[in-house]
Amino acid sequence: MDSKNLYENTLFEELDYLKDIELYSQRYSNKLTVNRVFDEKYYHSMRHVTFLLPAYNEEQSIGPLVKNIRRYPKSKVIVVDNNSKDKTAYVAKKSGANVLKERKQGKAHAIKRGFENVKSDFIVMLDADNTYDPEDAQKLLKPLMDGKADVVLGSRLLGKREKGSISRFNLVGNRLLSFFASILFSKVSDVCTGYWAFQRKVIDSLLQEGIDSDGFDLEVEMFSKISNNNFRVLEIPINYKNRLDSPKLNGLNDGIKIFKRMLSYWIKTRRVRR
């Protein structure tokens, strides 16, 4: 077994007991947990963290979400408004976020715009529909701040989901996509999650290589490129809630598009290596 596979297996074996921040903290008892990042003795603090939220017509959810994120003192919040037809940008700004505009329609374009404007050492990306709990951000940031990972994904499938938060059809589709991603790139349980945390160098790498997606195929493109570039990836269980309005994801059409993106990138990397 090569060193890459050995390292990946070791990381994912840890998920058997890394079920929450308390257990993680017990194992690394000589480290300060992210619950105490506000302590000046910790090497990193939340002033080094930016939360990035791509948003399209999220007027109902963006206010409460930004206010909850602002509970992390000194952290920054960037909302990228992607041509919303409602008051998303106004509510986000009023709630304390820095609002950027992206005219090219699509989640991937909004994220790319955000990546280009983030200067922090650590970046937390989450959807603006308030289905992800900002409190879970500390679990994603802990391995990054301890130097144990370069990218941390919040896994809905390993964590707790409110009833009805993911339809049975989308759940099966997500498991299939994650299965193929595990075969083609590296082991993952929830490749379509919208909750990610990155070290700065990973964002720089993605921008340098280029982001080709335009919509919900963004996550699988990022995972493919991150895995191919041998960044250390870890998954942490998170909570997932019901959204306030109807989903923007088209399960079948977007699922096919996501699979095509994954397969095309795998074929491309094989050609380059040959």
C-alpha atoms as a PDB file:
ATOM      1  CA  MET A   1       0.000   0.000   0.000  1.00  0.00           C
ATOM      2  CA  ASP A   2       1.446   3.379  -0.991  1.00  0.00           C
ATOM      3  CA  SER A   3       1.797   6.263   1.455  1.00  0.00           C
ATOM      4  CA  LYS A   4      -1.172   8.171   0.019  1.00  0.00           C
ATOM      5  CA  ASN A   5      -3.605   5.267   0.458  1.00  0.00           C
ATOM      6  CA  LEU A   6      -2.180   4.462   3.884  1.00  0.00           C
ATOM      7  CA  TYR A   7      -2.727   8.075   4.994  1.00  0.00           C
ATOM      8  CA  GLU A   8      -6.268   8.164   3.593  1.00  0.00           C
ATOM      9  CA  ASN A   9      -7.165   4.889   5.323  1.00  0.00           C
ATOM     10  CA  THR A  10      -5.792   6.204   8.602  1.00  0.00           C
ATOM     11  CA  LEU A  11      -7.858   9.380   8.337  1.00  0.00           C
ATOM     12  CA  PHE A  12     -11.083   7.574   7.581  1.00  0.00           C
ATOM     13  CA  GLU A  13     -10.513   4.975  10.298  1.00  0.00           C
ATOM     14  CA  GLU A  14     -10.508   7.888  12.732  1.00  0.00           C
ATOM     15  CA  LEU A  15     -14.125   8.616  11.779  1.00  0.00           C
ATOM     16  CA  ASP A  16     -15.132   5.587  13.860  1.00  0.00           C
ATOM     17  CA  TYR A  17     -14.612   7.639  16.974  1.00  0.00           C
ATOM     18  CA  LEU A  18     -14.402  11.241  15.747  1.00  0.00           C
ATOM     19  CA  LYS A  19     -18.158  11.653  16.080  1.00  0.00           C
ATOM     20  CA  ASP A  20     -18.078  15.075  17.679  1.00  0.00           C
ATOM     21  CA  ILE A  21     -15.748  17.794  18.892  1.00  0.00           C
ATOM     22  CA  GLU A  22     -15.669  16.429  22.445  1.00  0.00           C
ATOM     23  CA  LEU A  23     -14.201  13.086  21.406  1.00  0.00           C
ATOM     24  CA  TYR A  24     -11.756  14.808  19.071  1.00  0.00           C
ATOM     25  CA  SER A  25     -10.628  17.069  21.902  1.00  0.00           C
ATOM     26  CA  GLN A  26     -10.138  14.118  24.252  1.00  0.00           C
ATOM     27  CA  ARG A  27      -7.747  12.436  21.828  1.00  0.00           C
ATOM     28  CA  TYR A  28      -5.703  15.607  21.401  1.00  0.00           C
ATOM     29  CA  SER A  29      -5.944  16.628  25.041  1.00  0.00           C
ATOM     30  CA  ASN A  30      -2.737  18.648  24.847  1.00  0.00           C
ATOM     31  CA  LYS A  31      -4.315  20.931  22.224  1.00  0.00           C
ATOM     32  CA  LEU A  32      -6.763  23.775  22.694  1.00  0.00           C
ATOM     33  CA  THR A  33     -10.054  23.047  20.968  1.00  0.00           C
ATOM     34  CA  VAL A  34     -11.755  25.389  18.539  1.00  0.00           C
ATOM     35  CA  ASN A  35     -14.263  26.102  21.281  1.00  0.00           C
ATOM     36  CA  ARG A  36     -11.437  28.130  22.811  1.00  0.00           C
ATOM     37  CA  VAL A  37      -9.988  29.753  19.710  1.00  0.00           C
ATOM     38  CA  PHE A  38     -10.836  33.079  21.242  1.00  0.00           C
ATOM     39  CA  ASP A  39      -8.123  32.465  23.806  1.00  0.00           C
ATOM     40  CA  GLU A  40      -5.150  34.613  22.811  1.00  0.00           C
ATOM     41  CA  LYS A  41      -2.795  31.710  23.531  1.00  0.00           C
ATOM     42  CA  TYR A  42      -4.155  29.687  20.622  1.00  0.00           C
ATOM     43  CA  TYR A  43      -1.987  30.023  17.525  1.00  0.00           C
ATOM     44  CA  HIS A  44      -4.935  30.694  15.249  1.00  0.00           C
ATOM     45  CA  SER A  45      -8.108  32.589  16.069  1.00  0.00           C
ATOM     46  CA  MET A  46     -11.340  33.352  14.271  1.00  0.00           C
ATOM     47  CA  ARG A  47      -9.837  36.549  12.878  1.00  0.00           C
ATOM     48  CA  HIS A  48      -8.043  34.228  10.441  1.00  0.00           C
ATOM     49  CA  VAL A  49     -11.352  32.712   9.240  1.00  0.00           C
ATOM     50  CA  THR A  50     -13.723  33.854   6.489  1.00  0.00           C
ATOM     51  CA  PHE A  51     -17.150  32.324   5.967  1.00  0.00           C
ATOM     52  CA  LEU A  52     -18.143  32.270   2.300  1.00  0.00           C
ATOM     53  CA  LEU A  53     -21.823  31.990   1.348  1.00  0.00           C
ATOM     54  CA  PRO A  54     -23.014  31.791  -2.280  1.00  0.00           C
ATOM     55  CA  ALA A  55     -26.603  33.050  -2.384  1.00  0.00           C
ATOM     56  CA  TYR A  56     -29.472  33.129  -4.860  1.00  0.00           C
ATOM     57  CA  ASN A  57     -32.902  34.240  -3.628  1.00  0.00           C
ATOM     58  CA  GLU A  58     -32.236  33.394   0.035  1.00  0.00           C
ATOM     59  CA  GLU A  59     -34.013  36.369   1.614  1.00  0.00           C
ATOM     60  CA  GLN A  60     -35.743  34.188   4.219  1.00  0.00           C
ATOM     61  CA  SER A  61     -32.677  32.325   5.433  1.00  0.00           C
ATOM     62  CA  ILE A  62     -29.696  34.625   4.930  1.00  0.00           C
ATOM     63  CA  GLY A  63     -30.394  36.950   7.872  1.00  0.00           C
ATOM     64  CA  PRO A  64     -30.587  34.329  10.632  1.00  0.00           C
ATOM     65  CA  LEU A  65     -27.625  32.454   9.121  1.00  0.00           C
ATOM     66  CA  VAL A  66     -25.326  35.488   8.996  1.00  0.00           C
ATOM     67  CA  LYS A  67     -26.316  36.515  12.528  1.00  0.00           C
ATOM     68  CA  ASN A  68     -25.450  33.045  13.826  1.00  0.00           C
ATOM     69  CA  ILE A  69     -22.079  33.130  12.058  1.00  0.00           C
ATOM     70  CA  ARG A  70     -21.373  36.563  13.536  1.00  0.00           C
ATOM     71  CA  ARG A  71     -21.389  34.873  16.945  1.00  0.00           C
ATOM     72  CA  TYR A  72     -17.800  33.897  16.087  1.00  0.00           C
ATOM     73  CA  PRO A  73     -15.998  37.102  17.122  1.00  0.00           C
ATOM     74  CA  LYS A  74     -13.594  38.680  14.607  1.00  0.00           C
ATOM     75  CA  SER A  75     -14.476  36.247  11.809  1.00  0.00           C
ATOM     76  CA  LYS A  76     -15.420  37.644   8.399  1.00  0.00           C
ATOM     77  CA  VAL A  77     -18.540  36.822   6.394  1.00  0.00           C
ATOM     78  CA  ILE A  78     -18.751  37.212   2.624  1.00  0.00           C
ATOM     79  CA  VAL A  79     -22.064  36.682   0.834  1.00  0.00           C
ATOM     80  CA  VAL A  80     -21.828  36.417  -2.947  1.00  0.00           C
ATOM     81  CA  ASP A  81     -25.179  37.495  -4.369  1.00  0.00           C
ATOM     82  CA  ASN A  82     -25.783  35.655  -7.643  1.00  0.00           C
ATOM     83  CA  ASN A  83     -28.447  37.839  -9.309  1.00  0.00           C
ATOM     84  CA  SER A  84     -31.053  37.383  -6.587  1.00  0.00           C
ATOM     85  CA  LYS A  85     -34.499  38.745  -7.425  1.00  0.00           C
ATOM     86  CA  ASP A  86     -35.411  39.310  -3.788  1.00  0.00           C
ATOM     87  CA  LYS A  87     -33.794  41.216  -0.896  1.00  0.00           C
ATOM     88  CA  THR A  88     -31.004  38.709  -0.256  1.00  0.00           C
ATOM     89  CA  ALA A  89     -28.192  41.245  -0.687  1.00  0.00           C
ATOM     90  CA  TYR A  90     -29.928  43.894   1.435  1.00  0.00           C
ATOM     91  CA  VAL A  91     -30.700  41.492   4.303  1.00  0.00           C
ATOM     92  CA  ALA A  92     -27.185  40.019   4.218  1.00  0.00           C
ATOM     93  CA  LYS A  93     -25.540  43.422   4.408  1.00  0.00           C
ATOM     94  CA  LYS A  94     -27.879  44.581   7.167  1.00  0.00           C
ATOM     95  CA  SER A  95     -27.036  41.422   9.150  1.00  0.00           C
ATOM     96  CA  GLY A  96     -23.307  42.204   9.043  1.00  0.00           C
ATOM     97  CA  ALA A  97     -21.967  40.471   5.936  1.00  0.00           C
ATOM     98  CA  ASN A  98     -19.761  41.890   3.225  1.00  0.00           C
ATOM     99  CA  VAL A  99     -21.748  41.454  -0.012  1.00  0.00           C
ATOM    100  CA  LEU A 100     -20.195  40.808  -3.412  1.00  0.00           C
ATOM    101  CA  LYS A 101     -22.059  40.624  -6.734  1.00  0.00           C
ATOM    102  CA  GLU A 102     -21.573  37.922  -9.349  1.00  0.00           C
ATOM    103  CA  ARG A 103     -23.441  38.417 -12.631  1.00  0.00           C
ATOM    104  CA  LYS A 104     -22.611  35.027 -14.184  1.00  0.00           C
ATOM    105  CA  GLN A 105     -25.420  32.739 -13.084  1.00  0.00           C
ATOM    106  CA  GLY A 106     -24.498  29.578 -11.225  1.00  0.00           C
ATOM    107  CA  LYS A 107     -23.160  28.518  -7.829  1.00  0.00           C
ATOM    108  CA  ALA A 108     -19.675  27.778  -9.172  1.00  0.00           C
ATOM    109  CA  HIS A 109     -19.329  31.298 -10.573  1.00  0.00           C
ATOM    110  CA  ALA A 110     -20.369  32.748  -7.201  1.00  0.00           C
ATOM    111  CA  ILE A 111     -17.849  30.589  -5.331  1.00  0.00           C
ATOM    112  CA  LYS A 112     -15.050  31.479  -7.729  1.00  0.00           C
ATOM    113  CA  ARG A 113     -15.829  35.162  -7.201  1.00  0.00           C
ATOM    114  CA  GLY A 114     -15.673  34.616  -3.451  1.00  0.00           C
ATOM    115  CA  PHE A 115     -12.420  32.643  -3.604  1.00  0.00           C
ATOM    116  CA  GLU A 116     -10.798  35.485  -5.549  1.00  0.00           C
ATOM    117  CA  ASN A 117     -11.674  37.940  -2.768  1.00  0.00           C
ATOM    118  CA  VAL A 118     -10.865  35.897   0.339  1.00  0.00           C
ATOM    119  CA  LYS A 119      -7.567  36.678   2.044  1.00  0.00           C
ATOM    120  CA  SER A 120      -7.889  34.644   5.262  1.00  0.00           C
ATOM    121  CA  ASP A 121      -5.783  31.617   6.230  1.00  0.00           C
ATOM    122  CA  PHE A 122      -8.926  29.478   6.602  1.00  0.00           C
ATOM    123  CA  ILE A 123     -12.120  29.543   4.559  1.00  0.00           C
ATOM    124  CA  VAL A 124     -15.440  27.955   5.497  1.00  0.00           C
ATOM    125  CA  MET A 125     -17.856  27.522   2.601  1.00  0.00           C
ATOM    126  CA  LEU A 126     -21.514  26.740   3.262  1.00  0.00           C
ATOM    127  CA  ASP A 127     -24.807  27.138   1.442  1.00  0.00           C
ATOM    128  CA  ALA A 128     -26.903  30.196   2.275  1.00  0.00           C
ATOM    129  CA  ASP A 129     -30.182  28.307   2.757  1.00  0.00           C
ATOM    130  CA  ASN A 130     -29.541  27.821   6.509  1.00  0.00           C
ATOM    131  CA  THR A 131     -29.625  24.024   6.270  1.00  0.00           C
ATOM    132  CA  TYR A 132     -26.102  23.822   7.714  1.00  0.00           C
ATOM    133  CA  ASP A 133     -25.426  24.702  11.362  1.00  0.00           C
ATOM    134  CA  PRO A 134     -22.679  27.347  11.845  1.00  0.00           C
ATOM    135  CA  GLU A 135     -21.809  25.730  15.178  1.00  0.00           C
ATOM    136  CA  ASP A 136     -20.431  22.752  13.248  1.00  0.00           C
ATOM    137  CA  ALA A 137     -17.808  25.045  11.716  1.00  0.00           C
ATOM    138  CA  GLN A 138     -15.614  24.586  14.780  1.00  0.00           C
ATOM    139  CA  LYS A 139     -15.500  20.830  14.107  1.00  0.00           C
ATOM    140  CA  LEU A 140     -14.370  21.460  10.533  1.00  0.00           C
ATOM    141  CA  LEU A 141     -11.801  24.073  11.540  1.00  0.00           C
ATOM    142  CA  LYS A 142     -10.206  22.046  14.331  1.00  0.00           C
ATOM    143  CA  PRO A 143      -8.274  19.593  12.069  1.00  0.00           C
ATOM    144  CA  LEU A 144      -7.152  22.487   9.847  1.00  0.00           C
ATOM    145  CA  MET A 145      -5.870  24.568  12.741  1.00  0.00           C
ATOM    146  CA  ASP A 146      -4.103  21.545  14.208  1.00  0.00           C
ATOM    147  CA  GLY A 147      -2.422  20.861  10.868  1.00  0.00           C
ATOM    148  CA  LYS A 148      -4.134  17.453  10.564  1.00  0.00           C
ATOM    149  CA  ALA A 149      -5.850  18.181   7.220  1.00  0.00           C
ATOM    150  CA  ASP A 150      -5.832  20.599   4.294  1.00  0.00           C
ATOM    151  CA  VAL A 151      -9.554  20.252   3.512  1.00  0.00           C
ATOM    152  CA  VAL A 152     -12.413  19.149   5.754  1.00  0.00           C
ATOM    153  CA  LEU A 153     -15.839  18.177   4.446  1.00  0.00           C
ATOM    154  CA  GLY A 154     -18.964  18.242   6.587  1.00  0.00           C
ATOM    155  CA  SER A 155     -20.712  14.929   5.917  1.00  0.00           C
ATOM    156  CA  ARG A 156     -24.496  14.924   6.148  1.00  0.00           C
ATOM    157  CA  LEU A 157     -24.556  11.170   5.624  1.00  0.00           C
ATOM    158  CA  LEU A 158     -22.296  10.495   8.611  1.00  0.00           C
ATOM    159  CA  GLY A 159     -24.118  13.027  10.781  1.00  0.00           C
ATOM    160  CA  LYS A 160     -27.700  13.741  11.840  1.00  0.00           C
ATOM    161  CA  ARG A 161     -30.351  14.822   9.337  1.00  0.00           C
ATOM    162  CA  GLU A 162     -33.770  16.258  10.074  1.00  0.00           C
ATOM    163  CA  LYS A 163     -36.573  14.137   8.680  1.00  0.00           C
ATOM    164  CA  GLY A 164     -37.289  15.190   5.096  1.00  0.00           C
ATOM    165  CA  SER A 165     -34.145  17.317   4.742  1.00  0.00           C
ATOM    166  CA  ILE A 166     -32.929  15.071   1.905  1.00  0.00           C
ATOM    167  CA  SER A 167     -35.413  13.211  -0.288  1.00  0.00           C
ATOM    168  CA  ARG A 168     -34.981   9.456  -0.688  1.00  0.00           C
ATOM    169  CA  PHE A 169     -34.216   9.943  -4.384  1.00  0.00           C
ATOM    170  CA  ASN A 170     -31.496  12.537  -3.703  1.00  0.00           C
ATOM    171  CA  LEU A 171     -30.084  10.425  -0.875  1.00  0.00           C
ATOM    172  CA  VAL A 172     -29.674   7.414  -3.166  1.00  0.00           C
ATOM    173  CA  GLY A 173     -28.190   9.637  -5.882  1.00  0.00           C
ATOM    174  CA  ASN A 174     -25.718  11.181  -3.454  1.00  0.00           C
ATOM    175  CA  ARG A 175     -24.605   7.771  -2.235  1.00  0.00           C
ATOM    176  CA  LEU A 176     -24.050   6.628  -5.815  1.00  0.00           C
ATOM    177  CA  LEU A 177     -22.048   9.732  -6.716  1.00  0.00           C
ATOM    178  CA  SER A 178     -19.971   9.369  -3.547  1.00  0.00           C
ATOM    179  CA  PHE A 179     -19.387   5.691  -4.374  1.00  0.00           C
ATOM    180  CA  PHE A 180     -18.041   6.544  -7.830  1.00  0.00           C
ATOM    181  CA  ALA A 181     -15.953   9.421  -6.437  1.00  0.00           C
ATOM    182  CA  SER A 182     -14.421   6.990  -3.939  1.00  0.00           C
ATOM    183  CA  ILE A 183     -13.483   4.615  -6.749  1.00  0.00           C
ATOM    184  CA  LEU A 184     -12.130   7.252  -9.132  1.00  0.00           C
ATOM    185  CA  PHE A 185     -10.393   9.557  -6.644  1.00  0.00           C
ATOM    186  CA  SER A 186     -10.423   8.907  -2.896  1.00  0.00           C
ATOM    187  CA  LYS A 187     -12.824   7.676  -0.237  1.00  0.00           C
ATOM    188  CA  VAL A 188     -15.710  10.020   0.558  1.00  0.00           C
ATOM    189  CA  SER A 189     -19.190   9.576   2.025  1.00  0.00           C
ATOM    190  CA  ASP A 190     -20.847  12.858   0.929  1.00  0.00           C
ATOM    191  CA  VAL A 191     -19.168  14.331  -2.148  1.00  0.00           C
ATOM    192  CA  CYS A 192     -22.099  16.709  -2.771  1.00  0.00           C
ATOM    193  CA  THR A 193     -22.004  18.389   0.623  1.00  0.00           C
ATOM    194  CA  GLY A 194     -22.196  22.174   0.650  1.00  0.00           C
ATOM    195  CA  TYR A 195     -20.167  22.530   3.873  1.00  0.00           C
ATOM    196  CA  TRP A 196     -16.382  22.720   3.363  1.00  0.00           C
ATOM    197  CA  ALA A 197     -13.394  24.177   5.193  1.00  0.00           C
ATOM    198  CA  PHE A 198     -10.087  24.899   3.451  1.00  0.00           C
ATOM    199  CA  GLN A 199      -6.584  26.021   4.167  1.00  0.00           C
ATOM    200  CA  ARG A 200      -5.624  29.009   2.033  1.00  0.00           C
ATOM    201  CA  LYS A 201      -3.187  27.017  -0.099  1.00  0.00           C
ATOM    202  CA  VAL A 202      -6.011  24.799  -1.356  1.00  0.00           C
ATOM    203  CA  ILE A 203      -8.010  27.791  -2.596  1.00  0.00           C
ATOM    204  CA  ASP A 204      -4.901  29.111  -4.350  1.00  0.00           C
ATOM    205  CA  SER A 205      -4.434  25.734  -6.018  1.00  0.00           C
ATOM    206  CA  LEU A 206      -8.049  25.587  -7.234  1.00  0.00           C
ATOM    207  CA  LEU A 207      -7.857  29.093  -8.676  1.00  0.00           C
ATOM    208  CA  GLN A 208      -4.538  28.370 -10.365  1.00  0.00           C
ATOM    209  CA  GLU A 209      -5.842  25.171 -11.960  1.00  0.00           C
ATOM    210  CA  GLY A 210      -9.145  26.824 -12.822  1.00  0.00           C
ATOM    211  CA  ILE A 211     -12.783  26.136 -11.946  1.00  0.00           C
ATOM    212  CA  ASP A 212     -14.711  24.877 -14.971  1.00  0.00           C
ATOM    213  CA  SER A 213     -18.107  24.179 -13.387  1.00  0.00           C
ATOM    214  CA  ASP A 214     -20.989  26.604 -13.447  1.00  0.00           C
ATOM    215  CA  GLY A 215     -23.512  25.068 -11.056  1.00  0.00           C
ATOM    216  CA  PHE A 216     -23.990  22.228  -8.584  1.00  0.00           C
ATOM    217  CA  ASP A 217     -21.205  20.195 -10.174  1.00  0.00           C
ATOM    218  CA  LEU A 218     -18.780  22.498  -8.337  1.00  0.00           C
ATOM    219  CA  GLU A 219     -18.333  20.236  -5.307  1.00  0.00           C
ATOM    220  CA  VAL A 220     -17.397  17.149  -7.277  1.00  0.00           C
ATOM    221  CA  GLU A 221     -14.951  19.183  -9.387  1.00  0.00           C
ATOM    222  CA  MET A 222     -13.279  20.562  -6.257  1.00  0.00           C
ATOM    223  CA  PHE A 223     -13.107  17.126  -4.643  1.00  0.00           C
ATOM    224  CA  SER A 224     -11.640  15.600  -7.799  1.00  0.00           C
ATOM    225  CA  LYS A 225      -8.933  18.236  -8.124  1.00  0.00           C
ATOM    226  CA  ILE A 226      -8.141  18.303  -4.419  1.00  0.00           C
ATOM    227  CA  SER A 227      -7.751  14.514  -4.337  1.00  0.00           C
ATOM    228  CA  ASN A 228      -5.691  14.479  -7.525  1.00  0.00           C
ATOM    229  CA  ASN A 229      -3.320  17.070  -6.032  1.00  0.00           C
ATOM    230  CA  ASN A 230      -2.779  14.914  -2.922  1.00  0.00           C
ATOM    231  CA  PHE A 231      -4.219  17.349  -0.393  1.00  0.00           C
ATOM    232  CA  ARG A 232      -5.123  15.771   2.926  1.00  0.00           C
ATOM    233  CA  VAL A 233      -8.908  15.388   3.096  1.00  0.00           C
ATOM    234  CA  LEU A 234     -10.948  14.582   6.190  1.00  0.00           C
ATOM    235  CA  GLU A 235     -14.694  14.221   6.719  1.00  0.00           C
ATOM    236  CA  ILE A 236     -16.492  15.205   9.922  1.00  0.00           C
ATOM    237  CA  PRO A 237     -20.147  14.364  10.745  1.00  0.00           C
ATOM    238  CA  ILE A 238     -22.443  17.405  10.763  1.00  0.00           C
ATOM    239  CA  ASN A 239     -26.105  18.258  11.349  1.00  0.00           C
ATOM    240  CA  TYR A 240     -28.405  18.982   8.421  1.00  0.00           C
ATOM    241  CA  LYS A 241     -31.738  20.827   8.626  1.00  0.00           C
ATOM    242  CA  ASN A 242     -34.760  21.307   6.398  1.00  0.00           C
ATOM    243  CA  ARG A 243     -34.684  24.389   4.169  1.00  0.00           C
ATOM    244  CA  LEU A 244     -37.416  27.011   4.423  1.00  0.00           C
ATOM    245  CA  ASP A 245     -38.386  26.994   0.743  1.00  0.00           C
ATOM    246  CA  SER A 246     -38.268  24.525  -2.139  1.00  0.00           C
ATOM    247  CA  PRO A 247     -34.859  23.113  -3.203  1.00  0.00           C
ATOM    248  CA  LYS A 248     -33.064  24.628  -6.194  1.00  0.00           C
ATOM    249  CA  LEU A 249     -31.387  21.318  -7.056  1.00  0.00           C
ATOM    250  CA  ASN A 250     -32.949  19.233  -9.815  1.00  0.00           C
ATOM    251  CA  GLY A 251     -32.143  15.740  -8.564  1.00  0.00           C
ATOM    252  CA  LEU A 252     -32.036  13.874 -11.880  1.00  0.00           C
ATOM    253  CA  ASN A 253     -30.650  16.529 -14.245  1.00  0.00           C
ATOM    254  CA  ASP A 254     -28.085  17.889 -11.802  1.00  0.00           C
ATOM    255  CA  GLY A 255     -27.112  14.355 -10.756  1.00  0.00           C
ATOM    256  CA  ILE A 256     -26.324  13.422 -14.350  1.00  0.00           C
ATOM    257  CA  LYS A 257     -24.366  16.644 -14.812  1.00  0.00           C
ATOM    258  CA  ILE A 258     -22.374  16.000 -11.645  1.00  0.00           C
ATOM    259  CA  PHE A 259     -21.510  12.456 -12.743  1.00  0.00           C
ATOM    260  CA  LYS A 260     -20.416  13.678 -16.185  1.00  0.00           C
ATOM    261  CA  ARG A 261     -18.168  16.288 -14.557  1.00  0.00           C
ATOM    262  CA  MET A 262     -16.570  13.653 -12.345  1.00  0.00           C
ATOM    263  CA  LEU A 263     -16.009  11.210 -15.178  1.00  0.00           C
ATOM    264  CA  SER A 264     -14.682  13.830 -17.603  1.00  0.00           C
ATOM    265  CA  TYR A 265     -12.114  15.061 -15.084  1.00  0.00           C
ATOM    266  CA  TRP A 266     -11.012  11.487 -14.326  1.00  0.00           C
ATOM    267  CA  ILE A 267     -10.519  10.818 -18.063  1.00  0.00           C
ATOM    268  CA  LYS A 268      -8.629  14.089 -18.436  1.00  0.00           C
ATOM    269  CA  THR A 269      -6.220  13.290 -15.598  1.00  0.00           C
ATOM    270  CA  ARG A 270      -5.575   9.795 -17.010  1.00  0.00           C
ATOM    271  CA  ARG A 271      -4.658  11.281 -20.394  1.00  0.00           C
ATOM    272  CA  VAL A 272      -2.303  13.802 -18.821  1.00  0.00           C
ATOM    273  CA  ARG A 273      -0.486  11.087 -16.855  1.00  0.00           C
ATOM    274  CA  ARG A 274      -0.036   8.989 -19.961  1.00  0.00           C
END
